[in-house]
Amino acid sequence: MADGTGSVAVIGSGGIGGYLAGALEGAGRAVTLCVRTPFERLVVVDAAGEREVPVRIVASPDAVAAADWVLVTTKAQDTGSAAPWFRTLVGPGTRVVVVQNGVGQAERARPHLPAGVPVMPAIIYCSVERTAPGRIVHHGSTRMSVPAGEDGSAFARLFSGTPFAITQESDFVTVAWRKLLSNAVANPITALTLRRLPVFADPAVQALARGVMAEVIRVANAEGARLTEADGERVLDGYLRMGGDGGSSMLYDRLAGRPLEHDHITGAVVAAAERHGIDVPLNRAILALAGAVSGRGFDAKD
């Protein structure tokens, strides 16, 4: 694996996991998709059309062996569910990359891994939607950021030939909080309004978004990130330009009645705010509302 490539196991069959598996297989990598509930085939739909991806799909950790790369794409709250997979997928020379929202991705995975295993966080910008088990629709963007260093360089080589642009960042704290700034706006607002990104064309929603982001920026800077009001305006401008039918992972989870990732997005902001004694009333309100609807279908009686 001197060139940074090799066998790859992707844990998690949601939109991100399925799309990463498809991108790597398309570049000639040997990919195994590790799923909780099996399905027969992986289909990716993007600007190039519809393609069935011939990856190996397995639902039992006993059916896999050690891989060169393990990509964890579960929701942040489900990181512990990867532990049985780690026991068979992680061997000498395995690199683990945690591709999740929020901050502290590597720290969430480390307690479930053997000591000394390299584990690296990755920030992804990729709008994808799982419309059915094994069916992934790509709405836009193919970027990832990882910390600069040997593992980051190897990761970039792994994705050579895929649609993804990989950047290696010396100030990963700022990068992670900049993505959290984006997620803390788009994810809960789309999930709570049950609307896709065009909701940000509403002036009242824009005002709310700016207020939420102002709180996040204060907290991020207290955590050592370097964010400014201009970062927030770029986030909002990006959502206004995207429009179309793109949504957020939290919106898709709400529509499916699945638990939301609010504790690791808005909750991460509130928790850091408490550490620094910063008042974040808008984020606290959003956290309460997201918690009230998390995992509840639309026919709930109470």
C-alpha atoms as a PDB file:
ATOM      1  CA  MET A   1       0.000   0.000   0.000  1.00  0.00           C
ATOM      2  CA  ALA A   2       2.984   2.307  -0.570  1.00  0.00           C
ATOM      3  CA  ASP A   3       1.012   4.464  -3.003  1.00  0.00           C
ATOM      4  CA  GLY A   4      -1.752   5.082  -0.461  1.00  0.00           C
ATOM      5  CA  THR A   5      -4.259   2.760  -2.089  1.00  0.00           C
ATOM      6  CA  GLY A   6      -5.404  -0.681  -1.041  1.00  0.00           C
ATOM      7  CA  SER A   7      -8.467  -2.507   0.212  1.00  0.00           C
ATOM      8  CA  VAL A   8     -11.189  -0.312   1.667  1.00  0.00           C
ATOM      9  CA  ALA A   9     -14.044  -1.065   4.055  1.00  0.00           C
ATOM     10  CA  VAL A  10     -16.782   1.535   4.422  1.00  0.00           C
ATOM     11  CA  ILE A  11     -18.848   1.200   7.600  1.00  0.00           C
ATOM     12  CA  GLY A  12     -22.303   2.676   7.127  1.00  0.00           C
ATOM     13  CA  SER A  13     -24.666   2.492   4.160  1.00  0.00           C
ATOM     14  CA  GLY A  14     -26.278   5.925   4.367  1.00  0.00           C
ATOM     15  CA  GLY A  15     -25.873   8.581   1.713  1.00  0.00           C
ATOM     16  CA  ILE A  16     -22.247   9.410   2.516  1.00  0.00           C
ATOM     17  CA  GLY A  17     -21.118   5.808   2.950  1.00  0.00           C
ATOM     18  CA  GLY A  18     -22.797   4.648  -0.230  1.00  0.00           C
ATOM     19  CA  TYR A  19     -21.465   7.539  -2.287  1.00  0.00           C
ATOM     20  CA  LEU A  20     -17.892   7.147  -0.993  1.00  0.00           C
ATOM     21  CA  ALA A  21     -18.023   3.430  -1.752  1.00  0.00           C
ATOM     22  CA  GLY A  22     -19.211   4.178  -5.280  1.00  0.00           C
ATOM     23  CA  ALA A  23     -16.545   6.821  -5.851  1.00  0.00           C
ATOM     24  CA  LEU A  24     -13.727   4.554  -4.695  1.00  0.00           C
ATOM     25  CA  GLU A  25     -14.968   1.546  -6.662  1.00  0.00           C
ATOM     26  CA  GLY A  26     -15.173   3.742  -9.751  1.00  0.00           C
ATOM     27  CA  ALA A  27     -11.478   4.537  -9.313  1.00  0.00           C
ATOM     28  CA  GLY A  28     -10.589   0.847  -9.203  1.00  0.00           C
ATOM     29  CA  ARG A  29     -10.367   0.317  -5.452  1.00  0.00           C
ATOM     30  CA  ALA A  30     -11.450  -2.955  -3.833  1.00  0.00           C
ATOM     31  CA  VAL A  31     -14.351  -1.834  -1.650  1.00  0.00           C
ATOM     32  CA  THR A  32     -16.459  -3.633   0.934  1.00  0.00           C
ATOM     33  CA  LEU A  33     -19.596  -1.876   2.173  1.00  0.00           C
ATOM     34  CA  CYS A  34     -20.418  -2.884   5.750  1.00  0.00           C
ATOM     35  CA  VAL A  35     -24.132  -2.537   6.483  1.00  0.00           C
ATOM     36  CA  ARG A  36     -26.530  -3.161   9.345  1.00  0.00           C
ATOM     37  CA  THR A  37     -29.413  -4.386   7.194  1.00  0.00           C
ATOM     38  CA  PRO A  38     -28.416  -6.134   3.953  1.00  0.00           C
ATOM     39  CA  PHE A  39     -29.624  -5.099   0.522  1.00  0.00           C
ATOM     40  CA  GLU A  40     -28.894  -6.639  -2.859  1.00  0.00           C
ATOM     41  CA  ARG A  41     -27.225  -3.842  -4.815  1.00  0.00           C
ATOM     42  CA  LEU A  42     -25.799  -0.340  -4.541  1.00  0.00           C
ATOM     43  CA  VAL A  43     -27.042   2.190  -7.087  1.00  0.00           C
ATOM     44  CA  VAL A  44     -25.656   5.737  -7.358  1.00  0.00           C
ATOM     45  CA  VAL A  45     -27.496   8.470  -9.238  1.00  0.00           C
ATOM     46  CA  ASP A  46     -25.593  11.644 -10.124  1.00  0.00           C
ATOM     47  CA  ALA A  47     -25.098  14.089 -12.992  1.00  0.00           C
ATOM     48  CA  ALA A  48     -23.639  11.286 -15.129  1.00  0.00           C
ATOM     49  CA  GLY A  49     -26.766   9.162 -14.739  1.00  0.00           C
ATOM     50  CA  GLU A  50     -27.562   5.991 -12.832  1.00  0.00           C
ATOM     51  CA  ARG A  51     -24.906   3.347 -12.132  1.00  0.00           C
ATOM     52  CA  GLU A  52     -24.978   0.061 -10.287  1.00  0.00           C
ATOM     53  CA  VAL A  53     -21.815  -0.174  -8.208  1.00  0.00           C
ATOM     54  CA  PRO A  54     -20.341  -3.689  -7.953  1.00  0.00           C
ATOM     55  CA  VAL A  55     -19.059  -3.398  -4.398  1.00  0.00           C
ATOM     56  CA  ARG A  56     -19.152  -6.271  -1.954  1.00  0.00           C
ATOM     57  CA  ILE A  57     -22.011  -5.735   0.531  1.00  0.00           C
ATOM     58  CA  VAL A  58     -21.768  -7.557   3.869  1.00  0.00           C
ATOM     59  CA  ALA A  59     -23.934  -7.441   6.992  1.00  0.00           C
ATOM     60  CA  SER A  60     -21.806  -9.532   9.376  1.00  0.00           C
ATOM     61  CA  PRO A  61     -18.420  -8.598  10.861  1.00  0.00           C
ATOM     62  CA  ASP A  62     -17.539 -12.292  10.696  1.00  0.00           C
ATOM     63  CA  ALA A  63     -17.596 -12.093   6.881  1.00  0.00           C
ATOM     64  CA  VAL A  64     -14.698  -9.621   6.560  1.00  0.00           C
ATOM     65  CA  ALA A  65     -10.949  -9.571   7.105  1.00  0.00           C
ATOM     66  CA  ALA A  66      -8.524  -6.763   7.882  1.00  0.00           C
ATOM     67  CA  ALA A  67      -8.549  -3.882   5.400  1.00  0.00           C
ATOM     68  CA  ASP A  68      -5.938  -1.277   4.558  1.00  0.00           C
ATOM     69  CA  TRP A  69      -8.463   1.515   5.067  1.00  0.00           C
ATOM     70  CA  VAL A  70     -11.592   1.664   7.223  1.00  0.00           C
ATOM     71  CA  LEU A  71     -13.896   4.621   6.606  1.00  0.00           C
ATOM     72  CA  VAL A  72     -16.478   5.214   9.342  1.00  0.00           C
ATOM     73  CA  THR A  73     -19.533   6.985   7.913  1.00  0.00           C
ATOM     74  CA  THR A  74     -22.139   6.173  10.540  1.00  0.00           C
ATOM     75  CA  LYS A  75     -23.995   9.044  12.161  1.00  0.00           C
ATOM     76  CA  ALA A  76     -21.996  10.460  15.080  1.00  0.00           C
ATOM     77  CA  GLN A  77     -24.373   8.984  17.668  1.00  0.00           C
ATOM     78  CA  ASP A  78     -23.910   5.523  16.124  1.00  0.00           C
ATOM     79  CA  THR A  79     -20.097   5.423  16.295  1.00  0.00           C
ATOM     80  CA  GLY A  80     -20.197   2.697  18.941  1.00  0.00           C
ATOM     81  CA  SER A  81     -22.060   0.420  16.527  1.00  0.00           C
ATOM     82  CA  ALA A  82     -18.860   0.172  14.481  1.00  0.00           C
ATOM     83  CA  ALA A  83     -17.022  -1.610  17.319  1.00  0.00           C
ATOM     84  CA  PRO A  84     -17.852  -5.181  16.134  1.00  0.00           C
ATOM     85  CA  TRP A  85     -16.593  -4.264  12.651  1.00  0.00           C
ATOM     86  CA  PHE A  86     -13.369  -2.847  14.055  1.00  0.00           C
ATOM     87  CA  ARG A  87     -12.555  -6.171  15.687  1.00  0.00           C
ATOM     88  CA  THR A  88     -12.252  -7.894  12.301  1.00  0.00           C
ATOM     89  CA  LEU A  89     -11.449  -5.027   9.928  1.00  0.00           C
ATOM     90  CA  VAL A  90      -8.599  -3.426  11.873  1.00  0.00           C
ATOM     91  CA  GLY A  91      -5.234  -5.131  11.652  1.00  0.00           C
ATOM     92  CA  PRO A  92      -1.554  -4.201  11.412  1.00  0.00           C
ATOM     93  CA  GLY A  93      -1.238  -1.293   9.000  1.00  0.00           C
ATOM     94  CA  THR A  94      -4.942  -0.383   8.955  1.00  0.00           C
ATOM     95  CA  ARG A  95      -5.763   3.320   8.818  1.00  0.00           C
ATOM     96  CA  VAL A  96      -9.145   4.428  10.214  1.00  0.00           C
ATOM     97  CA  VAL A  97     -10.809   7.608   8.944  1.00  0.00           C
ATOM     98  CA  VAL A  98     -13.945   8.970  10.644  1.00  0.00           C
ATOM     99  CA  VAL A  99     -16.108  10.877   8.143  1.00  0.00           C
ATOM    100  CA  GLN A 100     -18.802  12.467  10.288  1.00  0.00           C
ATOM    101  CA  ASN A 101     -20.456  15.746  11.156  1.00  0.00           C
ATOM    102  CA  GLY A 102     -19.601  17.638  14.310  1.00  0.00           C
ATOM    103  CA  VAL A 103     -16.223  17.933  15.998  1.00  0.00           C
ATOM    104  CA  GLY A 104     -14.085  15.371  17.825  1.00  0.00           C
ATOM    105  CA  GLN A 105     -14.621  12.640  15.223  1.00  0.00           C
ATOM    106  CA  ALA A 106     -11.413  10.758  16.030  1.00  0.00           C
ATOM    107  CA  GLU A 107     -12.049  11.027  19.776  1.00  0.00           C
ATOM    108  CA  ARG A 108     -15.446   9.334  19.350  1.00  0.00           C
ATOM    109  CA  ALA A 109     -13.874   6.345  17.601  1.00  0.00           C
ATOM    110  CA  ARG A 110     -10.712   5.845  19.683  1.00  0.00           C
ATOM    111  CA  PRO A 111     -12.376   4.130  22.688  1.00  0.00           C
ATOM    112  CA  HIS A 112     -13.591   1.385  20.329  1.00  0.00           C
ATOM    113  CA  LEU A 113     -10.223   0.788  18.635  1.00  0.00           C
ATOM    114  CA  PRO A 114      -7.057  -1.042  19.697  1.00  0.00           C
ATOM    115  CA  ALA A 115      -4.361   1.194  21.143  1.00  0.00           C
ATOM    116  CA  GLY A 116      -2.023   2.674  18.579  1.00  0.00           C
ATOM    117  CA  VAL A 117      -4.295   2.371  15.554  1.00  0.00           C
ATOM    118  CA  PRO A 118      -4.016   5.501  13.380  1.00  0.00           C
ATOM    119  CA  VAL A 119      -7.379   7.289  13.373  1.00  0.00           C
ATOM    120  CA  MET A 120      -7.975  10.489  11.441  1.00  0.00           C
ATOM    121  CA  PRO A 121     -10.976  12.832  11.240  1.00  0.00           C
ATOM    122  CA  ALA A 122     -12.354  13.929   7.873  1.00  0.00           C
ATOM    123  CA  ILE A 123     -14.700  16.783   7.061  1.00  0.00           C
ATOM    124  CA  ILE A 124     -16.892  16.176   4.022  1.00  0.00           C
ATOM    125  CA  TYR A 125     -18.844  18.534   1.799  1.00  0.00           C
ATOM    126  CA  CYS A 126     -21.144  16.314  -0.216  1.00  0.00           C
ATOM    127  CA  SER A 127     -24.908  16.621  -0.573  1.00  0.00           C
ATOM    128  CA  VAL A 128     -26.296  13.118  -0.975  1.00  0.00           C
ATOM    129  CA  GLU A 129     -29.589  11.448  -0.145  1.00  0.00           C
ATOM    130  CA  ARG A 130     -30.384   7.797   0.416  1.00  0.00           C
ATOM    131  CA  THR A 131     -33.814   7.488  -1.191  1.00  0.00           C
ATOM    132  CA  ALA A 132     -34.090   3.735  -0.525  1.00  0.00           C
ATOM    133  CA  PRO A 133     -31.786   1.041   0.884  1.00  0.00           C
ATOM    134  CA  GLY A 134     -28.840   0.891  -1.498  1.00  0.00           C
ATOM    135  CA  ARG A 135     -30.000   3.815  -3.655  1.00  0.00           C
ATOM    136  CA  ILE A 136     -27.965   7.027  -3.345  1.00  0.00           C
ATOM    137  CA  VAL A 137     -28.759  10.321  -5.091  1.00  0.00           C
ATOM    138  CA  HIS A 138     -25.985  12.901  -5.312  1.00  0.00           C
ATOM    139  CA  HIS A 139     -27.141  16.539  -5.261  1.00  0.00           C
ATOM    140  CA  GLY A 140     -23.799  18.340  -5.312  1.00  0.00           C
ATOM    141  CA  SER A 141     -20.254  18.928  -4.037  1.00  0.00           C
ATOM    142  CA  THR A 142     -17.424  16.411  -3.642  1.00  0.00           C
ATOM    143  CA  ARG A 143     -14.851  17.763  -1.210  1.00  0.00           C
ATOM    144  CA  MET A 144     -13.141  16.453   1.887  1.00  0.00           C
ATOM    145  CA  SER A 145     -10.598  17.951   4.280  1.00  0.00           C
ATOM    146  CA  VAL A 146      -8.205  16.035   6.527  1.00  0.00           C
ATOM    147  CA  PRO A 147      -5.340  17.062   8.804  1.00  0.00           C
ATOM    148  CA  ALA A 148      -2.031  17.635   7.043  1.00  0.00           C
ATOM    149  CA  GLY A 149       0.555  14.893   7.460  1.00  0.00           C
ATOM    150  CA  GLU A 150       1.527  11.430   6.262  1.00  0.00           C
ATOM    151  CA  ASP A 151      -1.919   9.925   6.798  1.00  0.00           C
ATOM    152  CA  GLY A 152      -3.564  12.890   5.082  1.00  0.00           C
ATOM    153  CA  SER A 153      -1.290  12.500   2.058  1.00  0.00           C
ATOM    154  CA  ALA A 154      -2.062   8.783   1.870  1.00  0.00           C
ATOM    155  CA  PHE A 155      -5.783   9.536   2.061  1.00  0.00           C
ATOM    156  CA  ALA A 156      -5.468  11.974  -0.826  1.00  0.00           C
ATOM    157  CA  ARG A 157      -3.748   9.258  -2.881  1.00  0.00           C
ATOM    158  CA  LEU A 158      -6.521   6.820  -1.993  1.00  0.00           C
ATOM    159  CA  PHE A 159      -9.070   9.171  -3.575  1.00  0.00           C
ATOM    160  CA  SER A 160      -6.978   9.896  -6.656  1.00  0.00           C
ATOM    161  CA  GLY A 161      -9.128   9.283  -9.718  1.00  0.00           C
ATOM    162  CA  THR A 162     -12.412   9.832  -7.843  1.00  0.00           C
ATOM    163  CA  PRO A 163     -14.625  12.939  -8.102  1.00  0.00           C
ATOM    164  CA  PHE A 164     -13.384  14.040  -4.663  1.00  0.00           C
ATOM    165  CA  ALA A 165     -10.945  16.877  -4.067  1.00  0.00           C
ATOM    166  CA  ILE A 166      -8.980  16.244  -0.862  1.00  0.00           C
ATOM    167  CA  THR A 167      -7.370  19.143   0.984  1.00  0.00           C
ATOM    168  CA  GLN A 168      -4.862  18.723   3.788  1.00  0.00           C
ATOM    169  CA  GLU A 169      -5.257  21.315   6.514  1.00  0.00           C
ATOM    170  CA  SER A 170      -2.681  22.475   9.044  1.00  0.00           C
ATOM    171  CA  ASP A 171      -5.411  24.269  11.054  1.00  0.00           C
ATOM    172  CA  PHE A 172      -7.968  21.486  11.234  1.00  0.00           C
ATOM    173  CA  VAL A 173      -9.718  23.009  14.261  1.00  0.00           C
ATOM    174  CA  THR A 174     -10.819  25.957  12.156  1.00  0.00           C
ATOM    175  CA  VAL A 175     -11.862  23.688   9.283  1.00  0.00           C
ATOM    176  CA  ALA A 176     -13.946  21.474  11.564  1.00  0.00           C
ATOM    177  CA  TRP A 177     -15.704  24.431  13.202  1.00  0.00           C
ATOM    178  CA  ARG A 178     -16.310  26.089   9.831  1.00  0.00           C
ATOM    179  CA  LYS A 179     -18.154  22.942   8.713  1.00  0.00           C
ATOM    180  CA  LEU A 180     -20.013  22.829  12.039  1.00  0.00           C
ATOM    181  CA  LEU A 181     -21.007  26.458  11.433  1.00  0.00           C
ATOM    182  CA  SER A 182     -22.619  25.333   8.181  1.00  0.00           C
ATOM    183  CA  ASN A 183     -24.253  22.240   9.683  1.00  0.00           C
ATOM    184  CA  ALA A 184     -25.626  24.140  12.694  1.00  0.00           C
ATOM    185  CA  VAL A 185     -27.682  26.255  10.300  1.00  0.00           C
ATOM    186  CA  ALA A 186     -28.710  24.036   7.397  1.00  0.00           C
ATOM    187  CA  ASN A 187     -29.356  20.788   9.236  1.00  0.00           C
ATOM    188  CA  PRO A 188     -31.773  21.851  11.985  1.00  0.00           C
ATOM    189  CA  ILE A 189     -33.524  24.579   9.980  1.00  0.00           C
ATOM    190  CA  THR A 190     -34.323  22.230   7.082  1.00  0.00           C
ATOM    191  CA  ALA A 191     -35.302  19.421   9.467  1.00  0.00           C
ATOM    192  CA  LEU A 192     -37.564  21.582  11.618  1.00  0.00           C
ATOM    193  CA  THR A 193     -39.238  23.376   8.700  1.00  0.00           C
ATOM    194  CA  LEU A 194     -39.378  20.201   6.560  1.00  0.00           C
ATOM    195  CA  ARG A 195     -38.074  22.271   3.659  1.00  0.00           C
ATOM    196  CA  ARG A 196     -35.002  21.961   1.470  1.00  0.00           C
ATOM    197  CA  LEU A 197     -32.306  24.582   0.906  1.00  0.00           C
ATOM    198  CA  PRO A 198     -34.546  27.136  -0.863  1.00  0.00           C
ATOM    199  CA  VAL A 199     -35.963  27.859   2.618  1.00  0.00           C
ATOM    200  CA  PHE A 200     -32.967  30.186   3.045  1.00  0.00           C
ATOM    201  CA  ALA A 201     -34.428  32.577   0.474  1.00  0.00           C
ATOM    202  CA  ASP A 202     -36.939  33.619   3.154  1.00  0.00           C
ATOM    203  CA  PRO A 203     -35.675  36.861   4.781  1.00  0.00           C
ATOM    204  CA  ALA A 204     -36.909  35.804   8.228  1.00  0.00           C
ATOM    205  CA  VAL A 205     -35.025  32.495   7.934  1.00  0.00           C
ATOM    206  CA  GLN A 206     -31.915  34.383   6.828  1.00  0.00           C
ATOM    207  CA  ALA A 207     -32.143  36.546   9.935  1.00  0.00           C
ATOM    208  CA  LEU A 208     -32.487  33.456  12.129  1.00  0.00           C
ATOM    209  CA  ALA A 209     -29.521  31.819  10.374  1.00  0.00           C
ATOM    210  CA  ARG A 210     -27.342  34.871  10.976  1.00  0.00           C
ATOM    211  CA  GLY A 211     -28.256  34.877  14.649  1.00  0.00           C
ATOM    212  CA  VAL A 212     -27.479  31.173  15.025  1.00  0.00           C
ATOM    213  CA  MET A 213     -24.151  31.583  13.230  1.00  0.00           C
ATOM    214  CA  ALA A 214     -23.129  34.593  15.326  1.00  0.00           C
ATOM    215  CA  GLU A 215     -23.447  32.389  18.415  1.00  0.00           C
ATOM    216  CA  VAL A 216     -21.515  29.540  16.791  1.00  0.00           C
ATOM    217  CA  ILE A 217     -18.699  31.866  15.728  1.00  0.00           C
ATOM    218  CA  ARG A 218     -18.245  33.153  19.280  1.00  0.00           C
ATOM    219  CA  VAL A 219     -18.059  29.589  20.588  1.00  0.00           C
ATOM    220  CA  ALA A 220     -15.755  28.411  17.793  1.00  0.00           C
ATOM    221  CA  ASN A 221     -13.276  31.202  18.500  1.00  0.00           C
ATOM    222  CA  ALA A 222     -13.296  30.311  22.186  1.00  0.00           C
ATOM    223  CA  GLU A 223     -12.407  26.747  21.138  1.00  0.00           C
ATOM    224  CA  GLY A 224      -9.384  27.964  19.181  1.00  0.00           C
ATOM    225  CA  ALA A 225     -10.893  28.235  15.699  1.00  0.00           C
ATOM    226  CA  ARG A 226     -10.448  31.354  13.589  1.00  0.00           C
ATOM    227  CA  LEU A 227     -13.881  32.272  12.237  1.00  0.00           C
ATOM    228  CA  THR A 228     -15.395  35.645  11.423  1.00  0.00           C
ATOM    229  CA  GLU A 229     -18.756  37.042  10.361  1.00  0.00           C
ATOM    230  CA  ALA A 230     -17.534  36.710   6.763  1.00  0.00           C
ATOM    231  CA  ASP A 231     -17.473  32.914   7.212  1.00  0.00           C
ATOM    232  CA  GLY A 232     -21.141  33.016   8.128  1.00  0.00           C
ATOM    233  CA  GLU A 233     -22.020  35.161   5.113  1.00  0.00           C
ATOM    234  CA  ARG A 234     -20.182  32.716   2.842  1.00  0.00           C
ATOM    235  CA  VAL A 235     -22.182  29.835   4.318  1.00  0.00           C
ATOM    236  CA  LEU A 236     -25.473  31.613   3.775  1.00  0.00           C
ATOM    237  CA  ASP A 237     -24.504  32.727   0.260  1.00  0.00           C
ATOM    238  CA  GLY A 238     -23.610  29.147  -0.589  1.00  0.00           C
ATOM    239  CA  TYR A 239     -27.023  27.882   0.437  1.00  0.00           C
ATOM    240  CA  LEU A 240     -28.752  30.651  -1.514  1.00  0.00           C
ATOM    241  CA  ARG A 241     -26.751  29.738  -4.635  1.00  0.00           C
ATOM    242  CA  MET A 242     -27.299  25.974  -4.283  1.00  0.00           C
ATOM    243  CA  GLY A 243     -31.103  26.054  -4.117  1.00  0.00           C
ATOM    244  CA  GLY A 244     -32.595  23.247  -6.182  1.00  0.00           C
ATOM    245  CA  ASP A 245     -33.683  20.041  -4.483  1.00  0.00           C
ATOM    246  CA  GLY A 246     -30.730  19.707  -2.113  1.00  0.00           C
ATOM    247  CA  GLY A 247     -31.475  19.242   1.562  1.00  0.00           C
ATOM    248  CA  SER A 248     -29.512  18.076   4.592  1.00  0.00           C
ATOM    249  CA  SER A 249     -28.813  14.748   6.232  1.00  0.00           C
ATOM    250  CA  MET A 250     -30.912  15.816   9.213  1.00  0.00           C
ATOM    251  CA  LEU A 251     -33.871  16.634   6.968  1.00  0.00           C
ATOM    252  CA  TYR A 252     -33.634  13.218   5.314  1.00  0.00           C
ATOM    253  CA  ASP A 253     -33.481  11.543   8.730  1.00  0.00           C
ATOM    254  CA  ARG A 254     -36.524  13.482   9.947  1.00  0.00           C
ATOM    255  CA  LEU A 255     -38.518  12.561   6.835  1.00  0.00           C
ATOM    256  CA  ALA A 256     -37.684   8.901   7.490  1.00  0.00           C
ATOM    257  CA  GLY A 257     -38.513   9.115  11.198  1.00  0.00           C
ATOM    258  CA  ARG A 258     -34.925   8.301  12.178  1.00  0.00           C
ATOM    259  CA  PRO A 259     -33.066   9.738  15.197  1.00  0.00           C
ATOM    260  CA  LEU A 260     -31.461  13.084  14.432  1.00  0.00           C
ATOM    261  CA  GLU A 261     -27.801  14.024  14.835  1.00  0.00           C
ATOM    262  CA  HIS A 262     -28.652  17.172  16.787  1.00  0.00           C
ATOM    263  CA  ASP A 263     -26.642  16.285  19.895  1.00  0.00           C
ATOM    264  CA  HIS A 264     -23.435  16.223  17.849  1.00  0.00           C
ATOM    265  CA  ILE A 265     -24.153  19.356  15.808  1.00  0.00           C
ATOM    266  CA  THR A 266     -26.156  21.941  17.774  1.00  0.00           C
ATOM    267  CA  GLY A 267     -25.430  19.998  20.954  1.00  0.00           C
ATOM    268  CA  ALA A 268     -21.685  20.340  20.336  1.00  0.00           C
ATOM    269  CA  VAL A 269     -22.115  24.115  20.113  1.00  0.00           C
ATOM    270  CA  VAL A 270     -24.145  24.277  23.329  1.00  0.00           C
ATOM    271  CA  ALA A 271     -21.727  22.014  25.210  1.00  0.00           C
ATOM    272  CA  ALA A 272     -18.716  24.122  24.175  1.00  0.00           C
ATOM    273  CA  ALA A 273     -20.624  27.299  25.037  1.00  0.00           C
ATOM    274  CA  GLU A 274     -21.187  25.964  28.555  1.00  0.00           C
ATOM    275  CA  ARG A 275     -17.471  25.263  28.937  1.00  0.00           C
ATOM    276  CA  HIS A 276     -16.670  28.881  28.093  1.00  0.00           C
ATOM    277  CA  GLY A 277     -19.622  30.595  29.767  1.00  0.00           C
ATOM    278  CA  ILE A 278     -21.071  31.882  26.482  1.00  0.00           C
ATOM    279  CA  ASP A 279     -24.803  32.493  26.123  1.00  0.00           C
ATOM    280  CA  VAL A 280     -26.295  30.794  23.037  1.00  0.00           C
ATOM    281  CA  PRO A 281     -30.094  31.098  23.371  1.00  0.00           C
ATOM    282  CA  LEU A 282     -30.916  30.453  19.705  1.00  0.00           C
ATOM    283  CA  ASN A 283     -28.868  27.265  19.588  1.00  0.00           C
ATOM    284  CA  ARG A 284     -30.392  26.122  22.882  1.00  0.00           C
ATOM    285  CA  ALA A 285     -33.882  26.632  21.474  1.00  0.00           C
ATOM    286  CA  ILE A 286     -33.026  24.741  18.299  1.00  0.00           C
ATOM    287  CA  LEU A 287     -31.496  21.906  20.325  1.00  0.00           C
ATOM    288  CA  ALA A 288     -34.690  21.571  22.370  1.00  0.00           C
ATOM    289  CA  LEU A 289     -36.901  21.525  19.277  1.00  0.00           C
ATOM    290  CA  ALA A 290     -34.706  19.041  17.412  1.00  0.00           C
ATOM    291  CA  GLY A 291     -34.687  16.761  20.445  1.00  0.00           C
ATOM    292  CA  ALA A 292     -38.481  16.860  20.603  1.00  0.00           C
ATOM    293  CA  VAL A 293     -38.894  15.584  17.021  1.00  0.00           C
ATOM    294  CA  SER A 294     -35.897  13.239  16.834  1.00  0.00           C
ATOM    295  CA  GLY A 295     -36.865   9.695  15.907  1.00  0.00           C
ATOM    296  CA  ARG A 296     -40.577  10.440  15.783  1.00  0.00           C
ATOM    297  CA  GLY A 297     -42.776   9.720  12.815  1.00  0.00           C
ATOM    298  CA  PHE A 298     -45.451  12.106  11.658  1.00  0.00           C
ATOM    299  CA  ASP A 299     -48.226   9.947  13.096  1.00  0.00           C
ATOM    300  CA  ALA A 300     -46.972  10.235  16.698  1.00  0.00           C
ATOM    301  CA  LYS A 301     -49.860  10.793  19.131  1.00  0.00           C
ATOM    302  CA  ASP A 302     -48.075  12.613  21.962  1.00  0.00           C
END
